[in-house]
Amino acid sequence: MPAGACGGPHRAPAPAPASFAAAGFGGATPPLLRPSAGGLPPCSQRRADFASRDGKLMTLFVCSKILGPHAHPQDPRLELALRVADRIVRELRAD
């Protein structure tokens, strides 16, 4: 069983590659950053989905998974997930 599974010791996250080529993309732009047929990257096309109530709830769920009881204290996503969760909760309460 890999380290970190089932409550075992956590491994440190792998360092980010210096370039797209080092990440295995061979110098090409990663798929999520490539423009689609509509001219915008797919993440920009989904912005309205994330702005909906369902999208906000899905985002809050992802934040809860990052911030949950098994969160590693040195996870670099913790601070951002906490800020996003706080903002989403405020937006949901305002609706």
N, C-alpha and C. Protein backbone atom coordinates (compact mmCIF):
# COMPACT_ATOMS: atom_id res chain seq x y z
N MET A 1 0.86 -1.18 0.00
CA MET A 1 0.00 0.00 0.00
C MET A 1 0.90 1.24 0.00
N PRO A 2 0.60 2.24 -0.84
CA PRO A 2 1.46 3.42 -0.89
C PRO A 2 1.42 4.23 0.39
N ALA A 3 2.52 4.95 0.62
CA ALA A 3 2.57 5.84 1.78
C ALA A 3 1.46 6.87 1.67
N GLY A 4 0.84 7.19 2.77
CA GLY A 4 -0.23 8.19 2.77
C GLY A 4 -1.61 7.59 2.64
N ALA A 5 -1.70 6.34 2.19
CA ALA A 5 -3.01 5.69 2.06
C ALA A 5 -3.47 5.19 3.42
N CYS A 6 -4.71 5.30 3.69
CA CYS A 6 -5.32 4.78 4.93
C CYS A 6 -4.67 5.34 6.18
N GLY A 7 -4.36 6.62 6.18
CA GLY A 7 -3.87 7.26 7.40
C GLY A 7 -2.40 7.08 7.66
N GLY A 8 -1.65 6.49 6.74
CA GLY A 8 -0.21 6.30 6.92
C GLY A 8 0.53 7.62 6.77
N PRO A 9 1.86 7.56 6.86
CA PRO A 9 2.63 8.80 6.72
C PRO A 9 2.43 9.42 5.34
N HIS A 10 2.34 10.73 5.32
CA HIS A 10 2.13 11.44 4.05
C HIS A 10 3.46 11.69 3.38
N ARG A 11 3.44 11.64 2.07
CA ARG A 11 4.63 11.99 1.30
C ARG A 11 4.53 13.46 0.93
N ALA A 12 5.68 14.10 0.81
CA ALA A 12 5.71 15.49 0.37
C ALA A 12 5.29 15.54 -1.09
N PRO A 13 4.58 16.59 -1.49
CA PRO A 13 4.18 16.70 -2.89
C PRO A 13 5.41 16.80 -3.79
N ALA A 14 5.30 16.27 -5.00
CA ALA A 14 6.40 16.32 -5.95
C ALA A 14 6.64 17.77 -6.37
N PRO A 15 7.89 18.14 -6.58
CA PRO A 15 8.15 19.51 -7.02
C PRO A 15 7.59 19.74 -8.42
N ALA A 16 7.19 20.95 -8.68
CA ALA A 16 6.63 21.28 -10.00
C ALA A 16 7.73 21.22 -11.05
N PRO A 17 7.42 20.70 -12.25
CA PRO A 17 8.43 20.67 -13.30
C PRO A 17 8.77 22.09 -13.76
N ALA A 18 9.99 22.26 -14.23
CA ALA A 18 10.45 23.58 -14.65
C ALA A 18 9.78 24.04 -15.94
N SER A 19 9.29 23.13 -16.74
CA SER A 19 8.67 23.51 -18.01
C SER A 19 7.63 22.48 -18.41
N PHE A 20 6.84 22.82 -19.43
CA PHE A 20 5.87 21.87 -19.94
C PHE A 20 6.56 20.63 -20.50
N ALA A 21 7.74 20.82 -21.11
CA ALA A 21 8.48 19.69 -21.66
C ALA A 21 8.88 18.73 -20.54
N ALA A 22 9.33 19.29 -19.41
CA ALA A 22 9.73 18.45 -18.28
C ALA A 22 8.53 17.73 -17.68
N ALA A 23 7.34 18.28 -17.87
CA ALA A 23 6.13 17.65 -17.34
C ALA A 23 5.62 16.55 -18.26
N GLY A 24 6.30 16.34 -19.38
CA GLY A 24 5.89 15.27 -20.28
C GLY A 24 5.03 15.73 -21.43
N PHE A 25 4.91 17.04 -21.63
CA PHE A 25 4.10 17.55 -22.73
C PHE A 25 4.93 17.80 -23.98
N GLY A 26 6.25 17.53 -23.91
CA GLY A 26 7.10 17.69 -25.08
C GLY A 26 7.15 19.12 -25.60
N GLY A 27 7.01 20.09 -24.74
CA GLY A 27 7.06 21.48 -25.16
C GLY A 27 5.71 22.03 -25.61
N ALA A 28 4.71 21.15 -25.75
CA ALA A 28 3.38 21.59 -26.18
C ALA A 28 2.62 22.18 -25.00
N THR A 29 1.64 22.97 -25.30
CA THR A 29 0.78 23.53 -24.26
C THR A 29 -0.12 22.43 -23.71
N PRO A 30 -0.24 22.30 -22.37
CA PRO A 30 -1.10 21.27 -21.80
C PRO A 30 -2.54 21.40 -22.29
N PRO A 31 -3.27 20.29 -22.36
CA PRO A 31 -4.62 20.30 -22.93
C PRO A 31 -5.57 21.32 -22.32
N LEU A 32 -5.55 21.52 -21.01
CA LEU A 32 -6.50 22.45 -20.39
C LEU A 32 -6.19 23.90 -20.70
N LEU A 33 -4.99 24.19 -21.20
CA LEU A 33 -4.63 25.57 -21.52
C LEU A 33 -4.75 25.87 -23.00
N ARG A 34 -5.01 24.84 -23.81
CA ARG A 34 -5.14 25.03 -25.25
C ARG A 34 -6.49 25.65 -25.58
N PRO A 35 -6.52 26.59 -26.51
CA PRO A 35 -7.82 27.12 -26.94
C PRO A 35 -8.64 26.04 -27.60
N SER A 36 -9.93 26.07 -27.38
CA SER A 36 -10.83 25.11 -28.02
C SER A 36 -11.38 25.72 -29.29
N ALA A 37 -12.32 25.03 -29.92
CA ALA A 37 -12.91 25.53 -31.17
C ALA A 37 -13.54 26.90 -30.97
N GLY A 38 -14.05 27.19 -29.77
CA GLY A 38 -14.68 28.48 -29.51
C GLY A 38 -13.68 29.59 -29.25
N GLY A 39 -12.39 29.27 -29.18
CA GLY A 39 -11.38 30.28 -28.98
C GLY A 39 -10.94 30.47 -27.55
N LEU A 40 -11.69 29.97 -26.58
CA LEU A 40 -11.34 30.12 -25.18
C LEU A 40 -10.87 28.78 -24.62
N PRO A 41 -9.95 28.80 -23.65
CA PRO A 41 -9.60 27.55 -23.00
C PRO A 41 -10.84 26.94 -22.35
N PRO A 42 -10.91 25.61 -22.25
CA PRO A 42 -12.10 24.97 -21.66
C PRO A 42 -12.45 25.50 -20.27
N CYS A 43 -11.44 25.88 -19.47
CA CYS A 43 -11.74 26.38 -18.12
C CYS A 43 -12.53 27.69 -18.19
N SER A 44 -12.25 28.52 -19.19
CA SER A 44 -13.00 29.78 -19.34
C SER A 44 -14.43 29.52 -19.79
N GLN A 45 -14.62 28.47 -20.59
CA GLN A 45 -15.96 28.14 -21.05
C GLN A 45 -16.83 27.62 -19.92
N ARG A 46 -16.23 27.11 -18.87
CA ARG A 46 -16.97 26.53 -17.74
C ARG A 46 -17.19 27.52 -16.60
N ARG A 47 -16.76 28.74 -16.78
CA ARG A 47 -16.88 29.75 -15.71
C ARG A 47 -18.33 29.90 -15.24
N ALA A 48 -19.28 29.90 -16.17
CA ALA A 48 -20.70 30.03 -15.81
C ALA A 48 -21.17 28.82 -14.99
N ASP A 49 -20.62 27.64 -15.30
CA ASP A 49 -20.99 26.46 -14.53
C ASP A 49 -20.56 26.59 -13.07
N PHE A 50 -19.36 27.15 -12.85
CA PHE A 50 -18.88 27.32 -11.48
C PHE A 50 -19.62 28.43 -10.76
N ALA A 51 -20.17 29.38 -11.48
CA ALA A 51 -20.89 30.49 -10.86
C ALA A 51 -22.30 30.09 -10.44
N SER A 52 -22.82 28.98 -10.96
CA SER A 52 -24.17 28.53 -10.58
C SER A 52 -24.15 27.98 -9.16
N ARG A 53 -25.32 27.83 -8.57
CA ARG A 53 -25.42 27.27 -7.21
C ARG A 53 -24.81 25.88 -7.15
N ASP A 54 -25.10 25.04 -8.14
CA ASP A 54 -24.53 23.69 -8.16
C ASP A 54 -23.01 23.74 -8.26
N GLY A 55 -22.50 24.65 -9.09
CA GLY A 55 -21.05 24.78 -9.22
C GLY A 55 -20.40 25.23 -7.93
N LYS A 56 -21.06 26.14 -7.23
CA LYS A 56 -20.53 26.61 -5.94
C LYS A 56 -20.52 25.46 -4.93
N LEU A 57 -21.57 24.66 -4.93
CA LEU A 57 -21.61 23.52 -4.00
C LEU A 57 -20.53 22.50 -4.33
N MET A 58 -20.29 22.26 -5.63
CA MET A 58 -19.22 21.34 -6.02
C MET A 58 -17.86 21.89 -5.60
N THR A 59 -17.66 23.20 -5.76
CA THR A 59 -16.40 23.82 -5.36
C THR A 59 -16.22 23.71 -3.85
N LEU A 60 -17.28 23.93 -3.10
CA LEU A 60 -17.22 23.81 -1.65
C LEU A 60 -16.90 22.37 -1.23
N PHE A 61 -17.43 21.40 -1.96
CA PHE A 61 -17.13 19.99 -1.68
C PHE A 61 -15.65 19.71 -1.88
N VAL A 62 -15.07 20.21 -2.98
CA VAL A 62 -13.65 20.01 -3.24
C VAL A 62 -12.81 20.67 -2.15
N CYS A 63 -13.19 21.86 -1.73
CA CYS A 63 -12.48 22.54 -0.64
C CYS A 63 -12.55 21.72 0.65
N SER A 64 -13.70 21.12 0.91
CA SER A 64 -13.84 20.32 2.13
C SER A 64 -12.95 19.09 2.09
N LYS A 65 -12.74 18.52 0.90
CA LYS A 65 -11.85 17.37 0.77
C LYS A 65 -10.40 17.79 1.05
N ILE A 66 -10.02 18.98 0.61
CA ILE A 66 -8.66 19.47 0.84
C ILE A 66 -8.46 19.84 2.31
N LEU A 67 -9.48 20.43 2.93
CA LEU A 67 -9.37 20.94 4.29
C LEU A 67 -9.79 19.93 5.36
N GLY A 68 -10.24 18.76 4.95
CA GLY A 68 -10.80 17.77 5.87
C GLY A 68 -9.86 17.29 6.96
N PRO A 69 -10.33 16.34 7.76
CA PRO A 69 -9.56 15.89 8.93
C PRO A 69 -8.24 15.21 8.58
N HIS A 70 -8.08 14.77 7.35
CA HIS A 70 -6.84 14.08 6.97
C HIS A 70 -5.91 15.01 6.19
N ALA A 71 -6.15 16.31 6.25
CA ALA A 71 -5.33 17.27 5.52
C ALA A 71 -3.91 17.29 6.09
N HIS A 72 -2.95 17.37 5.20
CA HIS A 72 -1.56 17.48 5.63
C HIS A 72 -1.28 18.94 5.94
N PRO A 73 -0.69 19.23 7.11
CA PRO A 73 -0.51 20.63 7.51
C PRO A 73 0.39 21.43 6.57
N GLN A 74 1.21 20.77 5.76
CA GLN A 74 2.10 21.49 4.86
C GLN A 74 1.59 21.49 3.42
N ASP A 75 0.36 21.08 3.22
CA ASP A 75 -0.23 21.08 1.87
C ASP A 75 -0.33 22.52 1.39
N PRO A 76 0.27 22.85 0.25
CA PRO A 76 0.23 24.24 -0.21
C PRO A 76 -1.16 24.71 -0.64
N ARG A 77 -2.12 23.80 -0.76
CA ARG A 77 -3.47 24.17 -1.17
C ARG A 77 -4.35 24.62 -0.01
N LEU A 78 -3.90 24.43 1.22
CA LEU A 78 -4.75 24.70 2.39
C LEU A 78 -5.22 26.15 2.46
N GLU A 79 -4.31 27.09 2.34
CA GLU A 79 -4.68 28.50 2.49
C GLU A 79 -5.66 28.94 1.40
N LEU A 80 -5.38 28.55 0.16
CA LEU A 80 -6.28 28.90 -0.94
C LEU A 80 -7.65 28.25 -0.77
N ALA A 81 -7.67 26.96 -0.39
CA ALA A 81 -8.94 26.27 -0.20
C ALA A 81 -9.76 26.91 0.90
N LEU A 82 -9.10 27.37 1.95
CA LEU A 82 -9.80 28.03 3.05
C LEU A 82 -10.41 29.35 2.59
N ARG A 83 -9.64 30.13 1.82
CA ARG A 83 -10.17 31.41 1.31
C ARG A 83 -11.33 31.18 0.35
N VAL A 84 -11.19 30.21 -0.55
CA VAL A 84 -12.26 29.92 -1.52
C VAL A 84 -13.51 29.44 -0.79
N ALA A 85 -13.35 28.53 0.17
CA ALA A 85 -14.50 28.01 0.92
C ALA A 85 -15.21 29.14 1.65
N ASP A 86 -14.45 30.04 2.26
CA ASP A 86 -15.05 31.17 2.97
C ASP A 86 -15.86 32.05 2.01
N ARG A 87 -15.29 32.33 0.84
CA ARG A 87 -15.98 33.16 -0.16
C ARG A 87 -17.25 32.47 -0.66
N ILE A 88 -17.16 31.17 -0.93
CA ILE A 88 -18.31 30.43 -1.46
C ILE A 88 -19.44 30.40 -0.42
N VAL A 89 -19.10 30.18 0.84
CA VAL A 89 -20.12 30.15 1.89
C VAL A 89 -20.81 31.50 1.99
N ARG A 90 -20.02 32.59 1.93
CA ARG A 90 -20.63 33.92 1.98
C ARG A 90 -21.56 34.15 0.78
N GLU A 91 -21.14 33.71 -0.41
CA GLU A 91 -21.98 33.87 -1.60
C GLU A 91 -23.26 33.05 -1.50
N LEU A 92 -23.15 31.83 -1.00
CA LEU A 92 -24.34 30.97 -0.88
C LEU A 92 -25.32 31.54 0.14
N ARG A 93 -24.81 32.09 1.23
CA ARG A 93 -25.69 32.68 2.24
C ARG A 93 -26.38 33.95 1.72
N ALA A 94 -25.70 34.66 0.83
CA ALA A 94 -26.26 35.90 0.29
C ALA A 94 -27.36 35.62 -0.73
N ASP A 95 -27.33 34.46 -1.35
CA ASP A 95 -28.34 34.11 -2.38
C ASP A 95 -29.70 33.81 -1.79
